[in-house]
Amino acid sequence: METTMLQQILDKLDNCATKDDFKNFATKDDIKSFTTKDDIKNFATKDDLKNFATKDDLKNFATKDDLKNFATKDDLKNFATKDDLKSFATKDDLKNLATKDDLKNFATKDDIKNFVTKDEFNSLVKRFDIFEKEFISMKRSVLIMEHELTKKVDLLLEVYVDNQANYGKIKMDVSKLTEVTEMHTLQIDLLNTKLKV
């Protein structure tokens, strides 16, 4: 009976592990430094990283240091745009313009204040033409009157010689003719004065 019990114990021991069987197993102390599943819950997987850039991806991108010498939009606020320049003159626009030196020999408005304009000159010429025509017409009339007067004086002188009794009447006619002549002479003088103005 003892043999049977012993055999049973031996049979049970056959199913048990020996110290040698545990040589390759880790102890609790061995796994203290290892990470548990709970420890890696918040870590990213390779799949999580698929949409993220690598250092190689960033090689062609600018860093903040690269931007130091570049202007910002705020830096450009006080600068003119091409549209702002459209209404301004270029150097080419100035090529055909006169300089102050070019204008030195030209008259100013003050310089020509006392000169006659073309319109004023043309108006004076028209007035002169009218006065000249009136003068010629008046002169012609005076010449005709002088001729008539001379004929009448000659006739009166003949009559006077022939008939001294009519002397008083002749004298009156001569006086009237003289007045007419003087009146025409005044008109001629007036026309001459107008032409001189």
N, C-alpha and C. Protein backbone atom coordinates (compact mmCIF):
# COMPACT_ATOMS: atom_id res chain seq x y z
N MET A 1 0.83 -1.18 0.00
CA MET A 1 0.00 0.00 0.00
C MET A 1 0.86 1.22 0.00
N GLU A 2 1.95 1.21 0.75
CA GLU A 2 2.89 2.32 0.81
C GLU A 2 3.51 2.51 -0.56
N THR A 3 3.78 1.35 -1.19
CA THR A 3 4.38 1.42 -2.54
C THR A 3 3.41 2.10 -3.49
N THR A 4 2.18 1.80 -3.36
CA THR A 4 1.18 2.40 -4.24
C THR A 4 1.11 3.90 -4.04
N MET A 5 1.13 4.36 -2.82
CA MET A 5 1.07 5.79 -2.52
C MET A 5 2.30 6.50 -3.05
N LEU A 6 3.41 5.82 -2.83
CA LEU A 6 4.66 6.40 -3.29
C LEU A 6 4.65 6.54 -4.82
N GLN A 7 4.12 5.47 -5.43
CA GLN A 7 4.05 5.51 -6.88
C GLN A 7 3.16 6.66 -7.37
N GLN A 8 2.09 6.87 -6.66
CA GLN A 8 1.16 7.95 -7.01
C GLN A 8 1.85 9.31 -6.89
N ILE A 9 2.64 9.44 -5.80
CA ILE A 9 3.35 10.72 -5.60
C ILE A 9 4.36 10.93 -6.71
N LEU A 10 5.05 9.84 -7.05
CA LEU A 10 6.04 9.94 -8.11
C LEU A 10 5.37 10.28 -9.46
N ASP A 11 4.25 9.65 -9.67
CA ASP A 11 3.53 9.97 -10.91
C ASP A 11 3.15 11.45 -10.99
N LYS A 12 2.74 11.99 -9.84
CA LYS A 12 2.35 13.42 -9.80
C LYS A 12 3.58 14.30 -10.02
N LEU A 13 4.70 13.87 -9.46
CA LEU A 13 5.91 14.67 -9.62
C LEU A 13 6.40 14.68 -11.06
N ASP A 14 6.11 13.60 -11.74
CA ASP A 14 6.51 13.56 -13.15
C ASP A 14 5.85 14.70 -13.95
N ASN A 15 4.69 15.08 -13.54
CA ASN A 15 3.96 16.15 -14.24
C ASN A 15 4.37 17.55 -13.75
N CYS A 16 5.21 17.63 -12.74
CA CYS A 16 5.62 18.94 -12.19
C CYS A 16 6.92 19.39 -12.85
N ALA A 17 7.11 20.70 -12.89
CA ALA A 17 8.30 21.29 -13.47
C ALA A 17 9.44 21.29 -12.49
N THR A 18 10.62 21.13 -13.01
CA THR A 18 11.81 21.16 -12.17
C THR A 18 12.41 22.56 -12.24
N LYS A 19 13.45 22.84 -11.45
CA LYS A 19 14.13 24.13 -11.49
C LYS A 19 14.74 24.39 -12.86
N ASP A 20 15.19 23.27 -13.44
CA ASP A 20 15.76 23.41 -14.78
C ASP A 20 14.72 23.89 -15.80
N ASP A 21 13.50 23.40 -15.55
CA ASP A 21 12.43 23.83 -16.48
C ASP A 21 12.19 25.35 -16.40
N PHE A 22 12.53 25.99 -15.29
CA PHE A 22 12.26 27.42 -15.10
C PHE A 22 13.43 28.33 -15.47
N LYS A 23 14.50 27.69 -15.94
CA LYS A 23 15.70 28.48 -16.25
C LYS A 23 15.42 29.60 -17.27
N ASN A 24 14.64 29.30 -18.28
CA ASN A 24 14.38 30.28 -19.37
C ASN A 24 13.17 31.17 -19.12
N PHE A 25 12.56 31.09 -17.99
CA PHE A 25 11.38 31.90 -17.68
C PHE A 25 11.82 33.17 -16.93
N ALA A 26 11.05 34.24 -17.15
CA ALA A 26 11.36 35.51 -16.48
C ALA A 26 10.70 35.54 -15.12
N THR A 27 11.38 36.24 -14.22
CA THR A 27 10.83 36.42 -12.88
C THR A 27 10.09 37.75 -12.84
N LYS A 28 9.38 37.98 -11.75
CA LYS A 28 8.68 39.25 -11.57
C LYS A 28 9.67 40.41 -11.59
N ASP A 29 10.85 40.15 -11.02
CA ASP A 29 11.88 41.21 -11.04
C ASP A 29 12.32 41.51 -12.47
N ASP A 30 12.41 40.41 -13.28
CA ASP A 30 12.84 40.60 -14.67
C ASP A 30 11.86 41.47 -15.48
N ILE A 31 10.59 41.43 -15.19
CA ILE A 31 9.61 42.14 -16.01
C ILE A 31 9.21 43.51 -15.45
N LYS A 32 9.85 43.89 -14.33
CA LYS A 32 9.51 45.19 -13.74
C LYS A 32 9.77 46.35 -14.70
N SER A 33 10.83 46.25 -15.50
CA SER A 33 11.20 47.36 -16.40
C SER A 33 10.46 47.33 -17.73
N PHE A 34 9.64 46.32 -17.94
CA PHE A 34 8.92 46.21 -19.22
C PHE A 34 7.59 46.97 -19.17
N THR A 35 7.09 47.30 -20.35
CA THR A 35 5.85 48.08 -20.49
C THR A 35 4.66 47.14 -20.59
N THR A 36 3.56 47.58 -19.96
CA THR A 36 2.33 46.79 -20.04
C THR A 36 1.45 47.35 -21.14
N LYS A 37 0.40 46.66 -21.49
CA LYS A 37 -0.55 47.13 -22.51
C LYS A 37 -1.18 48.45 -22.10
N ASP A 38 -1.42 48.56 -20.76
CA ASP A 38 -1.99 49.81 -20.26
C ASP A 38 -1.04 50.98 -20.49
N ASP A 39 0.27 50.68 -20.37
CA ASP A 39 1.27 51.76 -20.54
C ASP A 39 1.30 52.31 -21.97
N ILE A 40 0.92 51.50 -22.94
CA ILE A 40 1.04 51.95 -24.36
C ILE A 40 -0.30 52.36 -24.96
N LYS A 41 -1.32 52.49 -24.13
CA LYS A 41 -2.65 52.88 -24.66
C LYS A 41 -2.61 54.21 -25.40
N ASN A 42 -1.82 55.18 -24.86
CA ASN A 42 -1.81 56.53 -25.45
C ASN A 42 -0.72 56.74 -26.50
N PHE A 43 -0.01 55.68 -26.85
CA PHE A 43 1.04 55.81 -27.86
C PHE A 43 0.47 55.61 -29.27
N ALA A 44 1.11 56.27 -30.25
CA ALA A 44 0.66 56.17 -31.65
C ALA A 44 1.19 54.91 -32.29
N THR A 45 0.37 54.35 -33.17
CA THR A 45 0.80 53.18 -33.93
C THR A 45 1.36 53.64 -35.27
N LYS A 46 1.92 52.73 -36.02
CA LYS A 46 2.45 53.06 -37.35
C LYS A 46 1.33 53.58 -38.25
N ASP A 47 0.14 53.01 -38.09
CA ASP A 47 -1.00 53.48 -38.88
C ASP A 47 -1.34 54.92 -38.55
N ASP A 48 -1.22 55.24 -37.25
CA ASP A 48 -1.51 56.63 -36.83
C ASP A 48 -0.54 57.62 -37.46
N LEU A 49 0.66 57.18 -37.81
CA LEU A 49 1.70 58.09 -38.33
C LEU A 49 1.66 58.27 -39.84
N LYS A 50 0.78 57.54 -40.50
CA LYS A 50 0.76 57.56 -41.98
C LYS A 50 0.58 58.97 -42.55
N ASN A 51 -0.25 59.82 -41.91
CA ASN A 51 -0.55 61.16 -42.44
C ASN A 51 0.40 62.23 -41.93
N PHE A 52 1.39 61.82 -41.13
CA PHE A 52 2.31 62.81 -40.58
C PHE A 52 3.58 62.91 -41.42
N ALA A 53 4.16 64.13 -41.43
CA ALA A 53 5.36 64.39 -42.22
C ALA A 53 6.60 63.86 -41.51
N THR A 54 7.52 63.36 -42.32
CA THR A 54 8.81 62.92 -41.79
C THR A 54 9.82 64.04 -41.96
N LYS A 55 11.01 63.86 -41.39
CA LYS A 55 12.07 64.86 -41.55
C LYS A 55 12.44 65.01 -43.02
N ASP A 56 12.39 63.91 -43.75
CA ASP A 56 12.69 63.98 -45.19
C ASP A 56 11.66 64.83 -45.93
N ASP A 57 10.39 64.73 -45.48
CA ASP A 57 9.33 65.52 -46.10
C ASP A 57 9.55 67.02 -45.90
N LEU A 58 10.24 67.40 -44.83
CA LEU A 58 10.42 68.82 -44.48
C LEU A 58 11.64 69.45 -45.12
N LYS A 59 12.45 68.64 -45.84
CA LYS A 59 13.70 69.15 -46.38
C LYS A 59 13.53 70.39 -47.26
N ASN A 60 12.47 70.45 -48.07
CA ASN A 60 12.27 71.56 -49.01
C ASN A 60 11.44 72.71 -48.44
N PHE A 61 11.08 72.62 -47.17
CA PHE A 61 10.27 73.68 -46.56
C PHE A 61 11.16 74.67 -45.80
N ALA A 62 10.68 75.94 -45.76
CA ALA A 62 11.46 77.00 -45.12
C ALA A 62 11.30 76.96 -43.60
N THR A 63 12.39 77.28 -42.91
CA THR A 63 12.34 77.41 -41.45
C THR A 63 12.15 78.87 -41.08
N LYS A 64 11.92 79.16 -39.82
CA LYS A 64 11.79 80.55 -39.37
C LYS A 64 13.06 81.34 -39.65
N ASP A 65 14.20 80.68 -39.52
CA ASP A 65 15.47 81.36 -39.82
C ASP A 65 15.56 81.75 -41.29
N ASP A 66 15.01 80.88 -42.16
CA ASP A 66 15.02 81.18 -43.60
C ASP A 66 14.19 82.42 -43.92
N LEU A 67 13.20 82.74 -43.08
CA LEU A 67 12.27 83.84 -43.35
C LEU A 67 12.75 85.19 -42.84
N LYS A 68 13.89 85.19 -42.13
CA LYS A 68 14.33 86.43 -41.49
C LYS A 68 14.52 87.59 -42.46
N ASN A 69 15.01 87.32 -43.66
CA ASN A 69 15.29 88.39 -44.63
C ASN A 69 14.12 88.71 -45.55
N PHE A 70 12.98 88.04 -45.34
CA PHE A 70 11.83 88.28 -46.21
C PHE A 70 10.86 89.28 -45.57
N ALA A 71 10.18 90.05 -46.45
CA ALA A 71 9.23 91.07 -45.98
C ALA A 71 7.87 90.43 -45.68
N THR A 72 7.23 90.97 -44.64
CA THR A 72 5.87 90.53 -44.30
C THR A 72 4.86 91.47 -44.96
N LYS A 73 3.59 91.10 -44.90
CA LYS A 73 2.54 91.97 -45.45
C LYS A 73 2.52 93.32 -44.73
N ASP A 74 2.78 93.30 -43.43
CA ASP A 74 2.83 94.56 -42.68
C ASP A 74 3.97 95.45 -43.16
N ASP A 75 5.09 94.83 -43.55
CA ASP A 75 6.22 95.61 -44.06
C ASP A 75 5.86 96.32 -45.36
N LEU A 76 4.90 95.79 -46.11
CA LEU A 76 4.54 96.34 -47.42
C LEU A 76 3.47 97.42 -47.36
N LYS A 77 2.94 97.68 -46.16
CA LYS A 77 1.80 98.61 -46.04
C LYS A 77 2.09 99.99 -46.63
N ASN A 78 3.30 100.50 -46.43
CA ASN A 78 3.63 101.85 -46.88
C ASN A 78 4.25 101.91 -48.27
N PHE A 79 4.28 100.76 -48.94
CA PHE A 79 4.85 100.75 -50.29
C PHE A 79 3.74 100.88 -51.35
N ALA A 80 4.10 101.51 -52.50
CA ALA A 80 3.13 101.73 -53.58
C ALA A 80 2.99 100.47 -54.43
N THR A 81 1.76 100.23 -54.89
CA THR A 81 1.51 99.12 -55.81
C THR A 81 1.61 99.62 -57.25
N LYS A 82 1.60 98.70 -58.21
CA LYS A 82 1.63 99.10 -59.63
C LYS A 82 0.40 99.92 -59.98
N ASP A 83 -0.74 99.59 -59.38
CA ASP A 83 -1.97 100.36 -59.63
C ASP A 83 -1.82 101.79 -59.11
N ASP A 84 -1.15 101.95 -57.96
CA ASP A 84 -0.93 103.29 -57.40
C ASP A 84 -0.10 104.16 -58.35
N LEU A 85 0.77 103.54 -59.14
CA LEU A 85 1.68 104.29 -60.00
C LEU A 85 1.07 104.68 -61.35
N LYS A 86 -0.10 104.13 -61.66
CA LYS A 86 -0.69 104.36 -62.99
C LYS A 86 -0.91 105.83 -63.30
N SER A 87 -1.26 106.65 -62.29
CA SER A 87 -1.57 108.05 -62.54
C SER A 87 -0.34 108.96 -62.50
N PHE A 88 0.84 108.37 -62.25
CA PHE A 88 2.05 109.18 -62.17
C PHE A 88 2.83 109.15 -63.48
N ALA A 89 3.58 110.22 -63.72
CA ALA A 89 4.36 110.35 -64.95
C ALA A 89 5.66 109.56 -64.85
N THR A 90 6.07 108.99 -65.98
CA THR A 90 7.35 108.27 -66.05
C THR A 90 8.40 109.20 -66.65
N LYS A 91 9.66 108.79 -66.63
CA LYS A 91 10.72 109.59 -67.23
C LYS A 91 10.48 109.77 -68.72
N ASP A 92 9.92 108.75 -69.38
CA ASP A 92 9.61 108.87 -70.81
C ASP A 92 8.56 109.94 -71.06
N ASP A 93 7.60 110.09 -70.11
CA ASP A 93 6.56 111.11 -70.25
C ASP A 93 7.16 112.52 -70.20
N LEU A 94 8.30 112.68 -69.55
CA LEU A 94 8.91 114.00 -69.37
C LEU A 94 9.78 114.42 -70.56
N LYS A 95 10.08 113.48 -71.45
CA LYS A 95 11.03 113.77 -72.53
C LYS A 95 10.63 114.96 -73.39
N ASN A 96 9.34 115.10 -73.72
CA ASN A 96 8.88 116.16 -74.62
C ASN A 96 8.41 117.40 -73.90
N LEU A 97 8.56 117.44 -72.57
CA LEU A 97 8.12 118.61 -71.80
C LEU A 97 9.23 119.65 -71.72
N ALA A 98 8.82 120.92 -71.61
CA ALA A 98 9.79 122.02 -71.53
C ALA A 98 10.33 122.15 -70.11
N THR A 99 11.62 122.49 -70.00
CA THR A 99 12.23 122.74 -68.69
C THR A 99 12.15 124.22 -68.37
N LYS A 100 12.51 124.59 -67.13
CA LYS A 100 12.52 126.01 -66.76
C LYS A 100 13.49 126.79 -67.63
N ASP A 101 14.62 126.16 -67.96
CA ASP A 101 15.60 126.83 -68.83
C ASP A 101 15.02 127.09 -70.22
N ASP A 102 14.22 126.14 -70.72
CA ASP A 102 13.60 126.31 -72.04
C ASP A 102 12.66 127.50 -72.07
N LEU A 103 12.07 127.84 -70.93
CA LEU A 103 11.05 128.90 -70.87
C LEU A 103 11.62 130.29 -70.61
N LYS A 104 12.96 130.38 -70.37
CA LYS A 104 13.55 131.67 -69.99
C LYS A 104 13.30 132.78 -71.01
N ASN A 105 13.33 132.44 -72.30
CA ASN A 105 13.18 133.47 -73.34
C ASN A 105 11.73 133.72 -73.77
N PHE A 106 10.78 133.05 -73.11
CA PHE A 106 9.39 133.23 -73.48
C PHE A 106 8.72 134.29 -72.59
N ALA A 107 7.72 134.97 -73.18
CA ALA A 107 7.01 136.02 -72.45
C ALA A 107 5.97 135.40 -71.51
N THR A 108 5.80 136.07 -70.36
CA THR A 108 4.78 135.65 -69.40
C THR A 108 3.49 136.42 -69.65
N LYS A 109 2.42 136.06 -68.96
CA LYS A 109 1.15 136.79 -69.10
C LYS A 109 1.31 138.25 -68.71
N ASP A 110 2.13 138.49 -67.67
CA ASP A 110 2.38 139.88 -67.24
C ASP A 110 3.11 140.66 -68.33
N ASP A 111 4.02 139.97 -69.05
CA ASP A 111 4.79 140.65 -70.10
C ASP A 111 3.89 141.13 -71.25
N ILE A 112 2.79 140.42 -71.51
CA ILE A 112 1.97 140.76 -72.68
C ILE A 112 0.67 141.49 -72.33
N LYS A 113 0.58 141.94 -71.06
CA LYS A 113 -0.66 142.61 -70.64
C LYS A 113 -1.02 143.81 -71.52
N ASN A 114 0.00 144.61 -71.92
CA ASN A 114 -0.26 145.84 -72.66
C ASN A 114 -0.22 145.67 -74.18
N PHE A 115 -0.12 144.43 -74.62
CA PHE A 115 -0.10 144.19 -76.06
C PHE A 115 -1.51 143.90 -76.59
N VAL A 116 -1.68 144.18 -77.89
CA VAL A 116 -2.99 143.98 -78.53
C VAL A 116 -3.13 142.50 -78.93
N THR A 117 -4.31 141.95 -78.68
CA THR A 117 -4.56 140.57 -79.08
C THR A 117 -4.93 140.52 -80.56
N LYS A 118 -4.95 139.32 -81.15
CA LYS A 118 -5.32 139.16 -82.55
C LYS A 118 -6.73 139.67 -82.80
N ASP A 119 -7.65 139.35 -81.89
CA ASP A 119 -9.03 139.81 -82.04
C ASP A 119 -9.12 141.32 -82.00
N GLU A 120 -8.38 141.91 -81.04
CA GLU A 120 -8.39 143.38 -80.94
C GLU A 120 -7.78 144.00 -82.18
N PHE A 121 -6.70 143.41 -82.69
CA PHE A 121 -6.05 143.94 -83.89
C PHE A 121 -6.98 143.85 -85.10
N ASN A 122 -7.63 142.68 -85.26
CA ASN A 122 -8.56 142.51 -86.38
C ASN A 122 -9.72 143.49 -86.30
N SER A 123 -10.19 143.75 -85.07
CA SER A 123 -11.27 144.71 -84.87
C SER A 123 -10.82 146.11 -85.28
N LEU A 124 -9.58 146.46 -84.91
CA LEU A 124 -9.04 147.78 -85.28
C LEU A 124 -8.90 147.91 -86.80
N VAL A 125 -8.46 146.81 -87.43
CA VAL A 125 -8.30 146.84 -88.89
C VAL A 125 -9.66 147.06 -89.57
N LYS A 126 -10.70 146.37 -89.05
CA LYS A 126 -12.05 146.55 -89.62
C LYS A 126 -12.52 147.99 -89.44
N ARG A 127 -12.27 148.53 -88.24
CA ARG A 127 -12.68 149.93 -87.99
C ARG A 127 -11.94 150.88 -88.91
N PHE A 128 -10.62 150.59 -89.10
CA PHE A 128 -9.82 151.43 -90.00
C PHE A 128 -10.37 151.38 -91.42
N ASP A 129 -10.73 150.17 -91.87
CA ASP A 129 -11.28 150.03 -93.22
C ASP A 129 -12.56 150.84 -93.38
N ILE A 130 -13.42 150.77 -92.34
CA ILE A 130 -14.69 151.52 -92.39
C ILE A 130 -14.41 153.02 -92.43
N PHE A 131 -13.48 153.49 -91.53
CA PHE A 131 -13.16 154.92 -91.51
C PHE A 131 -12.52 155.38 -92.80
N GLU A 132 -11.68 154.48 -93.37
CA GLU A 132 -11.01 154.82 -94.62
C GLU A 132 -12.05 155.00 -95.74
N LYS A 133 -13.02 154.09 -95.80
CA LYS A 133 -14.07 154.20 -96.81
C LYS A 133 -14.89 155.47 -96.61
N GLU A 134 -15.21 155.74 -95.31
CA GLU A 134 -15.97 156.97 -95.03
C GLU A 134 -15.17 158.21 -95.40
N PHE A 135 -13.86 158.16 -95.11
CA PHE A 135 -12.99 159.30 -95.43
C PHE A 135 -12.92 159.53 -96.93
N ILE A 136 -12.74 158.42 -97.67
CA ILE A 136 -12.66 158.55 -99.14
C ILE A 136 -13.96 159.10 -99.70
N SER A 137 -15.08 158.58 -99.16
CA SER A 137 -16.39 159.06 -99.62
C SER A 137 -16.57 160.54 -99.29
N MET A 138 -16.17 160.91 -98.05
CA MET A 138 -16.30 162.31 -97.63
C MET A 138 -15.39 163.21 -98.45
N LYS A 139 -14.17 162.72 -98.68
CA LYS A 139 -13.22 163.51 -99.45
C LYS A 139 -13.74 163.74 -100.87
N ARG A 140 -14.32 162.69 -101.44
CA ARG A 140 -14.89 162.80 -102.78
C ARG A 140 -16.00 163.85 -102.79
N SER A 141 -16.85 163.78 -101.74
CA SER A 141 -17.95 164.77 -101.63
C SER A 141 -17.41 166.19 -101.51
N VAL A 142 -16.33 166.34 -100.72
CA VAL A 142 -15.74 167.67 -100.53
C VAL A 142 -15.15 168.18 -101.84
N LEU A 143 -14.49 167.28 -102.57
CA LEU A 143 -13.90 167.69 -103.85
C LEU A 143 -14.98 168.14 -104.83
N ILE A 144 -16.09 167.37 -104.81
CA ILE A 144 -17.21 167.75 -105.67
C ILE A 144 -17.75 169.11 -105.26
N MET A 145 -17.89 169.28 -103.92
CA MET A 145 -18.40 170.56 -103.40
C MET A 145 -17.45 171.71 -103.75
N GLU A 146 -16.12 171.44 -103.60
CA GLU A 146 -15.13 172.48 -103.92
C GLU A 146 -15.21 172.85 -105.40
N HIS A 147 -15.37 171.82 -106.23
CA HIS A 147 -15.49 172.07 -107.66
C HIS A 147 -16.74 172.91 -107.97
N GLU A 148 -17.84 172.50 -107.35
CA GLU A 148 -19.09 173.26 -107.54
C GLU A 148 -18.94 174.67 -107.01
N LEU A 149 -18.27 174.78 -105.83
CA LEU A 149 -18.08 176.09 -105.22
C LEU A 149 -17.22 176.98 -106.12
N THR A 150 -16.17 176.37 -106.66
CA THR A 150 -15.29 177.13 -107.55
C THR A 150 -16.06 177.63 -108.78
N LYS A 151 -16.89 176.74 -109.31
CA LYS A 151 -17.69 177.15 -110.47
C LYS A 151 -18.64 178.29 -110.12
N LYS A 152 -19.23 178.15 -108.91
CA LYS A 152 -20.18 179.19 -108.48
C LYS A 152 -19.46 180.51 -108.21
N VAL A 153 -18.26 180.38 -107.60
CA VAL A 153 -17.48 181.60 -107.33
C VAL A 153 -17.08 182.27 -108.64
N ASP A 154 -16.63 181.43 -109.59
CA ASP A 154 -16.25 181.98 -110.89
C ASP A 154 -17.45 182.68 -111.55
N LEU A 155 -18.61 182.01 -111.43
CA LEU A 155 -19.83 182.57 -112.01
C LEU A 155 -20.21 183.87 -111.31
N LEU A 156 -20.09 183.85 -109.97
CA LEU A 156 -20.43 185.04 -109.18
C LEU A 156 -19.48 186.20 -109.50
N LEU A 157 -18.21 185.82 -109.71
CA LEU A 157 -17.26 186.87 -110.04
C LEU A 157 -17.60 187.51 -111.40
N GLU A 158 -18.02 186.64 -112.31
CA GLU A 158 -18.41 187.16 -113.62
C GLU A 158 -19.61 188.09 -113.49
N VAL A 159 -20.56 187.60 -112.65
CA VAL A 159 -21.77 188.41 -112.43
C VAL A 159 -21.40 189.71 -111.73
N TYR A 160 -20.48 189.57 -110.74
CA TYR A 160 -20.05 190.76 -109.99
C TYR A 160 -19.43 191.80 -110.90
N VAL A 161 -18.60 191.30 -111.78
CA VAL A 161 -17.94 192.20 -112.73
C VAL A 161 -18.99 192.86 -113.62
N ASP A 162 -19.93 192.04 -114.08
CA ASP A 162 -20.94 192.54 -114.99
C ASP A 162 -21.97 193.42 -114.28
N ASN A 163 -22.24 193.10 -113.04
CA ASN A 163 -23.32 193.82 -112.36
C ASN A 163 -22.96 194.08 -110.89
N GLN A 164 -22.33 195.17 -110.63
CA GLN A 164 -21.93 195.50 -109.27
C GLN A 164 -23.13 195.74 -108.36
N ALA A 165 -24.28 195.95 -108.92
CA ALA A 165 -25.49 196.21 -108.13
C ALA A 165 -25.89 194.97 -107.32
N ASN A 166 -25.53 193.82 -107.87
CA ASN A 166 -25.88 192.55 -107.17
C ASN A 166 -24.79 192.10 -106.18
N TYR A 167 -23.91 192.99 -105.80
CA TYR A 167 -22.76 192.68 -104.94
C TYR A 167 -23.19 192.08 -103.58
N GLY A 168 -24.21 192.71 -102.97
CA GLY A 168 -24.66 192.24 -101.64
C GLY A 168 -25.16 190.79 -101.68
N LYS A 169 -25.90 190.47 -102.70
CA LYS A 169 -26.44 189.12 -102.83
C LYS A 169 -25.33 188.10 -103.07
N ILE A 170 -24.39 188.50 -103.91
CA ILE A 170 -23.28 187.60 -104.21
C ILE A 170 -22.47 187.31 -102.94
N LYS A 171 -22.27 188.38 -102.14
CA LYS A 171 -21.50 188.23 -100.91
C LYS A 171 -22.15 187.21 -99.97
N MET A 172 -23.49 187.26 -99.88
CA MET A 172 -24.22 186.31 -99.04
C MET A 172 -24.06 184.89 -99.54
N ASP A 173 -24.14 184.67 -100.86
CA ASP A 173 -23.98 183.33 -101.43
C ASP A 173 -22.58 182.76 -101.16
N VAL A 174 -21.59 183.66 -101.30
CA VAL A 174 -20.20 183.25 -101.04
C VAL A 174 -20.03 182.85 -99.58
N SER A 175 -20.67 183.61 -98.68
CA SER A 175 -20.58 183.31 -97.24
C SER A 175 -21.18 181.94 -96.93
N LYS A 176 -22.33 181.65 -97.57
CA LYS A 176 -22.98 180.35 -97.35
C LYS A 176 -22.11 179.20 -97.87
N LEU A 177 -21.53 179.42 -99.08
CA LEU A 177 -20.67 178.39 -99.63
C LEU A 177 -19.44 178.16 -98.76
N THR A 178 -18.92 179.23 -98.19
CA THR A 178 -17.75 179.11 -97.29
C THR A 178 -18.11 178.29 -96.04
N GLU A 179 -19.32 178.54 -95.49
CA GLU A 179 -19.77 177.77 -94.32
C GLU A 179 -19.87 176.27 -94.64
N VAL A 180 -20.42 175.97 -95.81
CA VAL A 180 -20.54 174.57 -96.22
C VAL A 180 -19.16 173.94 -96.34
N THR A 181 -18.24 174.69 -96.95
CA THR A 181 -16.87 174.19 -97.11
C THR A 181 -16.21 173.93 -95.76
N GLU A 182 -16.40 174.88 -94.84
CA GLU A 182 -15.81 174.72 -93.50
C GLU A 182 -16.40 173.49 -92.78
N MET A 183 -17.71 173.28 -92.96
CA MET A 183 -18.36 172.13 -92.33
C MET A 183 -17.76 170.82 -92.85
N HIS A 184 -17.55 170.72 -94.15
CA HIS A 184 -16.96 169.52 -94.74
C HIS A 184 -15.51 169.34 -94.28
N THR A 185 -14.80 170.46 -94.13
CA THR A 185 -13.40 170.39 -93.64
C THR A 185 -13.37 169.83 -92.22
N LEU A 186 -14.32 170.25 -91.38
CA LEU A 186 -14.41 169.73 -90.01
C LEU A 186 -14.69 168.23 -90.01
N GLN A 187 -15.56 167.79 -90.89
CA GLN A 187 -15.87 166.36 -90.97
C GLN A 187 -14.62 165.55 -91.38
N ILE A 188 -13.85 166.12 -92.32
CA ILE A 188 -12.61 165.44 -92.74
C ILE A 188 -11.63 165.35 -91.56
N ASP A 189 -11.51 166.47 -90.82
CA ASP A 189 -10.62 166.47 -89.64
C ASP A 189 -11.06 165.45 -88.62
N LEU A 190 -12.38 165.31 -88.43
CA LEU A 190 -12.92 164.34 -87.47
C LEU A 190 -12.59 162.89 -87.90
N LEU A 191 -12.71 162.61 -89.18
CA LEU A 191 -12.36 161.29 -89.68
C LEU A 191 -10.87 160.99 -89.51
N ASN A 192 -10.05 162.01 -89.76
CA ASN A 192 -8.61 161.83 -89.56
C ASN A 192 -8.28 161.52 -88.11
N THR A 193 -9.00 162.19 -87.22
CA THR A 193 -8.78 161.95 -85.77
C THR A 193 -9.17 160.53 -85.40
N LYS A 194 -10.31 160.05 -85.93
CA LYS A 194 -10.76 158.68 -85.66
C LYS A 194 -9.75 157.67 -86.17
N LEU A 195 -9.18 157.93 -87.34
CA LEU A 195 -8.21 157.00 -87.90
C LEU A 195 -6.94 156.93 -87.06
N LYS A 196 -6.61 157.99 -86.40
CA LYS A 196 -5.40 157.99 -85.57
C LYS A 196 -5.60 157.25 -84.26
N VAL A 197 -6.84 157.09 -83.78
CA VAL A 197 -7.13 156.44 -82.48
C VAL A 197 -6.80 154.95 -82.57
